[in-house]
Amino acid sequence: MTTAELQTKRDALIGRIADAVKSITTGDKSVTYADIAGMEKALSILDGEIAASTGTRTNRALLIQHSNG
């Protein structure tokens, strides 16, 4: 799949997440996600595929919490 095709799928998925729609149809293919977490996982996979196709790294966030308890 080309980078442009991956980006199109990513954009559609982000729109569906924002609208809380769990079913996506692109062309003749349809996917139904069980929940938003499944959609977020698919988004992460698409981000990785886009990064691999463009030779860039994916950004990852790390949250460290500390308590003086």
PDB file of N, CA and C in Angstrom:
ATOM      1  N   MET A   1       0.841  -1.162   0.000  1.00  0.00           N
ATOM      2  CA  MET A   1       0.000   0.000   0.000  1.00  0.00           C
ATOM      3  C   MET A   1       0.899   1.243   0.000  1.00  0.00           C
ATOM      4  N   THR A   2       0.511   2.247  -0.738  1.00  0.00           N
ATOM      5  CA  THR A   2       1.328   3.459  -0.812  1.00  0.00           C
ATOM      6  C   THR A   2       1.145   4.306   0.448  1.00  0.00           C
ATOM      7  N   THR A   3       2.070   5.228   0.655  1.00  0.00           N
ATOM      8  CA  THR A   3       1.978   6.125   1.798  1.00  0.00           C
ATOM      9  C   THR A   3       0.697   6.954   1.727  1.00  0.00           C
ATOM     10  N   ALA A   4       0.339   7.399   0.541  1.00  0.00           N
ATOM     11  CA  ALA A   4      -0.885   8.191   0.376  1.00  0.00           C
ATOM     12  C   ALA A   4      -2.117   7.376   0.739  1.00  0.00           C
ATOM     13  N   GLU A   5      -2.154   6.114   0.352  1.00  0.00           N
ATOM     14  CA  GLU A   5      -3.286   5.249   0.696  1.00  0.00           C
ATOM     15  C   GLU A   5      -3.359   5.017   2.207  1.00  0.00           C
ATOM     16  N   LEU A   6      -2.197   4.798   2.825  1.00  0.00           N
ATOM     17  CA  LEU A   6      -2.156   4.612   4.269  1.00  0.00           C
ATOM     18  C   LEU A   6      -2.636   5.878   4.981  1.00  0.00           C
ATOM     19  N   GLN A   7      -2.202   7.042   4.498  1.00  0.00           N
ATOM     20  CA  GLN A   7      -2.606   8.303   5.105  1.00  0.00           C
ATOM     21  C   GLN A   7      -4.114   8.522   4.962  1.00  0.00           C
ATOM     22  N   THR A   8      -4.675   8.138   3.818  1.00  0.00           N
ATOM     23  CA  THR A   8      -6.119   8.255   3.606  1.00  0.00           C
ATOM     24  C   THR A   8      -6.881   7.376   4.594  1.00  0.00           C
ATOM     25  N   LYS A   9      -6.395   6.139   4.787  1.00  0.00           N
ATOM     26  CA  LYS A   9      -7.027   5.244   5.756  1.00  0.00           C
ATOM     27  C   LYS A   9      -6.913   5.816   7.168  1.00  0.00           C
ATOM     28  N   ARG A  10      -5.751   6.403   7.486  1.00  0.00           N
ATOM     29  CA  ARG A  10      -5.527   6.989   8.801  1.00  0.00           C
ATOM     30  C   ARG A  10      -6.492   8.151   9.036  1.00  0.00           C
ATOM     31  N   ASP A  11      -6.608   9.021   8.056  1.00  0.00           N
ATOM     32  CA  ASP A  11      -7.498  10.174   8.179  1.00  0.00           C
ATOM     33  C   ASP A  11      -8.950   9.731   8.401  1.00  0.00           C
ATOM     34  N   ALA A  12      -9.375   8.710   7.659  1.00  0.00           N
ATOM     35  CA  ALA A  12     -10.738   8.189   7.818  1.00  0.00           C
ATOM     36  C   ALA A  12     -10.930   7.613   9.212  1.00  0.00           C
ATOM     37  N   LEU A  13      -9.933   6.893   9.701  1.00  0.00           N
ATOM     38  CA  LEU A  13     -10.025   6.281  11.023  1.00  0.00           C
ATOM     39  C   LEU A  13     -10.081   7.347  12.118  1.00  0.00           C
ATOM     40  N   ILE A  14      -9.278   8.387  12.009  1.00  0.00           N
ATOM     41  CA  ILE A  14      -9.305   9.466  12.989  1.00  0.00           C
ATOM     42  C   ILE A  14     -10.676  10.131  12.999  1.00  0.00           C
ATOM     43  N   GLY A  15     -11.241  10.338  11.836  1.00  0.00           N
ATOM     44  CA  GLY A  15     -12.589  10.911  11.758  1.00  0.00           C
ATOM     45  C   GLY A  15     -13.613  10.040  12.434  1.00  0.00           C
ATOM     46  N   ARG A  16     -13.516   8.734  12.260  1.00  0.00           N
ATOM     47  CA  ARG A  16     -14.467   7.809  12.874  1.00  0.00           C
ATOM     48  C   ARG A  16     -14.291   7.768  14.390  1.00  0.00           C
ATOM     49  N   ILE A  17     -13.035   7.834  14.846  1.00  0.00           N
ATOM     50  CA  ILE A  17     -12.792   7.860  16.288  1.00  0.00           C
ATOM     51  C   ILE A  17     -13.420   9.124  16.884  1.00  0.00           C
ATOM     52  N   ALA A  18     -13.218  10.245  16.220  1.00  0.00           N
ATOM     53  CA  ALA A  18     -13.774  11.513  16.709  1.00  0.00           C
ATOM     54  C   ALA A  18     -15.294  11.472  16.736  1.00  0.00           C
ATOM     55  N   ASP A  19     -15.890  10.804  15.766  1.00  0.00           N
ATOM     56  CA  ASP A  19     -17.350  10.705  15.694  1.00  0.00           C
ATOM     57  C   ASP A  19     -17.897   9.514  16.471  1.00  0.00           C
ATOM     58  N   ALA A  20     -17.003   8.705  17.049  1.00  0.00           N
ATOM     59  CA  ALA A  20     -17.368   7.488  17.780  1.00  0.00           C
ATOM     60  C   ALA A  20     -18.127   6.498  16.894  1.00  0.00           C
ATOM     61  N   VAL A  21     -17.750   6.441  15.620  1.00  0.00           N
ATOM     62  CA  VAL A  21     -18.338   5.490  14.678  1.00  0.00           C
ATOM     63  C   VAL A  21     -17.426   4.273  14.641  1.00  0.00           C
ATOM     64  N   LYS A  22     -18.001   3.092  14.838  1.00  0.00           N
ATOM     65  CA  LYS A  22     -17.178   1.892  14.927  1.00  0.00           C
ATOM     66  C   LYS A  22     -17.131   1.067  13.647  1.00  0.00           C
ATOM     67  N   SER A  23     -17.708   1.559  12.564  1.00  0.00           N
ATOM     68  CA  SER A  23     -17.687   0.833  11.301  1.00  0.00           C
ATOM     69  C   SER A  23     -17.154   1.746  10.201  1.00  0.00           C
ATOM     70  N   ILE A  24     -16.217   1.227   9.406  1.00  0.00           N
ATOM     71  CA  ILE A  24     -15.592   2.014   8.345  1.00  0.00           C
ATOM     72  C   ILE A  24     -15.678   1.234   7.044  1.00  0.00           C
ATOM     73  N   THR A  25     -16.100   1.894   5.975  1.00  0.00           N
ATOM     74  CA  THR A  25     -16.120   1.291   4.653  1.00  0.00           C
ATOM     75  C   THR A  25     -15.266   2.135   3.726  1.00  0.00           C
ATOM     76  N   THR A  26     -14.283   1.492   3.110  1.00  0.00           N
ATOM     77  CA  THR A  26     -13.418   2.150   2.135  1.00  0.00           C
ATOM     78  C   THR A  26     -13.469   1.330   0.863  1.00  0.00           C
ATOM     79  N   GLY A  27     -14.049   1.906  -0.178  1.00  0.00           N
ATOM     80  CA  GLY A  27     -14.197   1.157  -1.413  1.00  0.00           C
ATOM     81  C   GLY A  27     -15.105  -0.040  -1.203  1.00  0.00           C
ATOM     82  N   ASP A  28     -14.575  -1.223  -1.507  1.00  0.00           N
ATOM     83  CA  ASP A  28     -15.371  -2.446  -1.357  1.00  0.00           C
ATOM     84  C   ASP A  28     -15.064  -3.196  -0.062  1.00  0.00           C
ATOM     85  N   LYS A  29     -14.251  -2.585   0.829  1.00  0.00           N
ATOM     86  CA  LYS A  29     -13.873  -3.242   2.074  1.00  0.00           C
ATOM     87  C   LYS A  29     -14.523  -2.540   3.255  1.00  0.00           C
ATOM     88  N   SER A  30     -14.927  -3.333   4.243  1.00  0.00           N
ATOM     89  CA  SER A  30     -15.577  -2.799   5.432  1.00  0.00           C
ATOM     90  C   SER A  30     -14.958  -3.425   6.670  1.00  0.00           C
ATOM     91  N   VAL A  31     -14.785  -2.597   7.720  1.00  0.00           N
ATOM     92  CA  VAL A  31     -14.248  -3.073   8.988  1.00  0.00           C
ATOM     93  C   VAL A  31     -15.149  -2.564  10.098  1.00  0.00           C
ATOM     94  N   THR A  32     -15.480  -3.437  11.050  1.00  0.00           N
ATOM     95  CA  THR A  32     -16.242  -3.039  12.224  1.00  0.00           C
ATOM     96  C   THR A  32     -15.400  -3.341  13.453  1.00  0.00           C
ATOM     97  N   TYR A  33     -15.167  -2.317  14.263  1.00  0.00           N
ATOM     98  CA  TYR A  33     -14.356  -2.459  15.469  1.00  0.00           C
ATOM     99  C   TYR A  33     -15.267  -2.711  16.665  1.00  0.00           C
ATOM    100  N   ALA A  34     -14.797  -3.528  17.600  1.00  0.00           N
ATOM    101  CA  ALA A  34     -15.589  -3.843  18.783  1.00  0.00           C
ATOM    102  C   ALA A  34     -15.720  -2.639  19.697  1.00  0.00           C
ATOM    103  N   ASP A  35     -14.667  -1.823  19.752  1.00  0.00           N
ATOM    104  CA  ASP A  35     -14.693  -0.660  20.625  1.00  0.00           C
ATOM    105  C   ASP A  35     -13.669   0.366  20.154  1.00  0.00           C
ATOM    106  N   ILE A  36     -13.645   1.501  20.815  1.00  0.00           N
ATOM    107  CA  ILE A  36     -12.721   2.568  20.450  1.00  0.00           C
ATOM    108  C   ILE A  36     -11.268   2.121  20.653  1.00  0.00           C
ATOM    109  N   ALA A  37     -11.007   1.298  21.650  1.00  0.00           N
ATOM    110  CA  ALA A  37      -9.651   0.807  21.890  1.00  0.00           C
ATOM    111  C   ALA A  37      -9.131   0.039  20.680  1.00  0.00           C
ATOM    112  N   GLY A  38      -9.998  -0.728  20.033  1.00  0.00           N
ATOM    113  CA  GLY A  38      -9.606  -1.441  18.821  1.00  0.00           C
ATOM    114  C   GLY A  38      -9.267  -0.484  17.696  1.00  0.00           C
ATOM    115  N   MET A  39     -10.002   0.620  17.616  1.00  0.00           N
ATOM    116  CA  MET A  39      -9.731   1.624  16.596  1.00  0.00           C
ATOM    117  C   MET A  39      -8.394   2.321  16.881  1.00  0.00           C
ATOM    118  N   GLU A  40      -8.129   2.595  18.161  1.00  0.00           N
ATOM    119  CA  GLU A  40      -6.872   3.231  18.524  1.00  0.00           C
ATOM    120  C   GLU A  40      -5.684   2.306  18.234  1.00  0.00           C
ATOM    121  N   LYS A  41      -5.875   1.007  18.420  1.00  0.00           N
ATOM    122  CA  LYS A  41      -4.817   0.043  18.101  1.00  0.00           C
ATOM    123  C   LYS A  41      -4.566   0.033  16.594  1.00  0.00           C
ATOM    124  N   ALA A  42      -5.651   0.056  15.802  1.00  0.00           N
ATOM    125  CA  ALA A  42      -5.509   0.106  14.350  1.00  0.00           C
ATOM    126  C   ALA A  42      -4.806   1.384  13.922  1.00  0.00           C
ATOM    127  N   LEU A  43      -5.094   2.489  14.595  1.00  0.00           N
ATOM    128  CA  LEU A  43      -4.442   3.757  14.298  1.00  0.00           C
ATOM    129  C   LEU A  43      -2.944   3.663  14.569  1.00  0.00           C
ATOM    130  N   SER A  44      -2.593   3.034  15.663  1.00  0.00           N
ATOM    131  CA  SER A  44      -1.184   2.846  16.001  1.00  0.00           C
ATOM    132  C   SER A  44      -0.471   2.002  14.947  1.00  0.00           C
ATOM    133  N   ILE A  45      -1.139   0.962  14.481  1.00  0.00           N
ATOM    134  CA  ILE A  45      -0.558   0.110  13.432  1.00  0.00           C
ATOM    135  C   ILE A  45      -0.380   0.898  12.144  1.00  0.00           C
ATOM    136  N   LEU A  46      -1.390   1.682  11.766  1.00  0.00           N
ATOM    137  CA  LEU A  46      -1.276   2.511  10.558  1.00  0.00           C
ATOM    138  C   LEU A  46      -0.144   3.517  10.701  1.00  0.00           C
ATOM    139  N   ASP A  47      -0.012   4.136  11.867  1.00  0.00           N
ATOM    140  CA  ASP A  47       1.079   5.081  12.093  1.00  0.00           C
ATOM    141  C   ASP A  47       2.436   4.395  11.897  1.00  0.00           C
ATOM    142  N   GLY A  48       2.555   3.171  12.385  1.00  0.00           N
ATOM    143  CA  GLY A  48       3.798   2.420  12.200  1.00  0.00           C
ATOM    144  C   GLY A  48       4.079   2.103  10.742  1.00  0.00           C
ATOM    145  N   GLU A  49       3.030   1.735  10.006  1.00  0.00           N
ATOM    146  CA  GLU A  49       3.196   1.443   8.581  1.00  0.00           C
ATOM    147  C   GLU A  49       3.570   2.694   7.805  1.00  0.00           C
ATOM    148  N   ILE A  50       2.962   3.830   8.151  1.00  0.00           N
ATOM    149  CA  ILE A  50       3.299   5.091   7.493  1.00  0.00           C
ATOM    150  C   ILE A  50       4.740   5.464   7.804  1.00  0.00           C
ATOM    151  N   ALA A  51       5.131   5.333   9.057  1.00  0.00           N
ATOM    152  CA  ALA A  51       6.508   5.643   9.444  1.00  0.00           C
ATOM    153  C   ALA A  51       7.500   4.752   8.699  1.00  0.00           C
ATOM    154  N   ALA A  52       7.182   3.484   8.577  1.00  0.00           N
ATOM    155  CA  ALA A  52       8.072   2.557   7.870  1.00  0.00           C
ATOM    156  C   ALA A  52       8.170   2.905   6.388  1.00  0.00           C
ATOM    157  N   SER A  53       7.055   3.334   5.801  1.00  0.00           N
ATOM    158  CA  SER A  53       7.071   3.630   4.368  1.00  0.00           C
ATOM    159  C   SER A  53       7.760   4.953   4.057  1.00  0.00           C
ATOM    160  N   THR A  54       7.823   5.850   5.056  1.00  0.00           N
ATOM    161  CA  THR A  54       8.473   7.144   4.823  1.00  0.00           C
ATOM    162  C   THR A  54       9.859   7.224   5.439  1.00  0.00           C
ATOM    163  N   GLY A  55      10.223   6.194   6.188  1.00  0.00           N
ATOM    164  CA  GLY A  55      11.551   6.175   6.808  1.00  0.00           C
ATOM    165  C   GLY A  55      11.650   7.052   8.038  1.00  0.00           C
ATOM    166  N   THR A  56      10.519   7.362   8.660  1.00  0.00           N
ATOM    167  CA  THR A  56      10.526   8.172   9.874  1.00  0.00           C
ATOM    168  C   THR A  56      10.155   7.315  11.066  1.00  0.00           C
ATOM    169  N   ARG A  57      10.397   7.842  12.238  1.00  0.00           N
ATOM    170  CA  ARG A  57      10.054   7.136  13.464  1.00  0.00           C
ATOM    171  C   ARG A  57       8.704   7.604  13.953  1.00  0.00           C
ATOM    172  N   THR A  58       8.005   6.734  14.659  1.00  0.00           N
ATOM    173  CA  THR A  58       6.744   7.138  15.278  1.00  0.00           C
ATOM    174  C   THR A  58       7.052   7.806  16.604  1.00  0.00           C
ATOM    175  N   ASN A  59       6.257   8.787  16.961  1.00  0.00           N
ATOM    176  CA  ASN A  59       6.417   9.463  18.243  1.00  0.00           C
ATOM    177  C   ASN A  59       5.720   8.653  19.316  1.00  0.00           C
ATOM    178  N   ARG A  60       6.383   8.504  20.407  1.00  0.00           N
ATOM    179  CA  ARG A  60       5.790   7.796  21.533  1.00  0.00           C
ATOM    180  C   ARG A  60       5.844   8.706  22.743  1.00  0.00           C
ATOM    181  N   ALA A  61       4.813   8.680  23.513  1.00  0.00           N
ATOM    182  CA  ALA A  61       4.755   9.488  24.734  1.00  0.00           C
ATOM    183  C   ALA A  61       5.006   8.585  25.932  1.00  0.00           C
ATOM    184  N   LEU A  62       5.726   9.095  26.876  1.00  0.00           N
ATOM    185  CA  LEU A  62       6.022   8.359  28.091  1.00  0.00           C
ATOM    186  C   LEU A  62       5.620   9.237  29.266  1.00  0.00           C
ATOM    187  N   LEU A  63       4.769   8.743  30.110  1.00  0.00           N
ATOM    188  CA  LEU A  63       4.319   9.482  31.288  1.00  0.00           C
ATOM    189  C   LEU A  63       4.884   8.801  32.508  1.00  0.00           C
ATOM    190  N   ILE A  64       5.625   9.561  33.267  1.00  0.00           N
ATOM    191  CA  ILE A  64       6.205   9.038  34.506  1.00  0.00           C
ATOM    192  C   ILE A  64       5.577   9.806  35.655  1.00  0.00           C
ATOM    193  N   GLN A  65       5.005   9.071  36.577  1.00  0.00           N
ATOM    194  CA  GLN A  65       4.395   9.694  37.745  1.00  0.00           C
ATOM    195  C   GLN A  65       5.149   9.266  38.988  1.00  0.00           C
ATOM    196  N   HIS A  66       5.299  10.194  39.880  1.00  0.00           N
ATOM    197  CA  HIS A  66       6.011   9.897  41.108  1.00  0.00           C
ATOM    198  C   HIS A  66       5.199  10.424  42.277  1.00  0.00           C
ATOM    199  N   SER A  67       5.187   9.690  43.336  1.00  0.00           N
ATOM    200  CA  SER A  67       4.453  10.104  44.528  1.00  0.00           C
ATOM    201  C   SER A  67       5.381   9.992  45.730  1.00  0.00           C
ATOM    202  N   ASN A  68       5.388  11.020  46.535  1.00  0.00           N
ATOM    203  CA  ASN A  68       6.154  10.968  47.781  1.00  0.00           C
ATOM    204  C   ASN A  68       5.239  10.509  48.904  1.00  0.00           C
ATOM    205  N   GLY A  69       4.810   9.291  48.805  1.00  0.00           N
ATOM    206  CA  GLY A  69       3.804   8.858  49.747  1.00  0.00           C
ATOM    207  C   GLY A  69       4.273   8.032  50.810  1.00  0.00           C
TER     208      GLY A  69
END
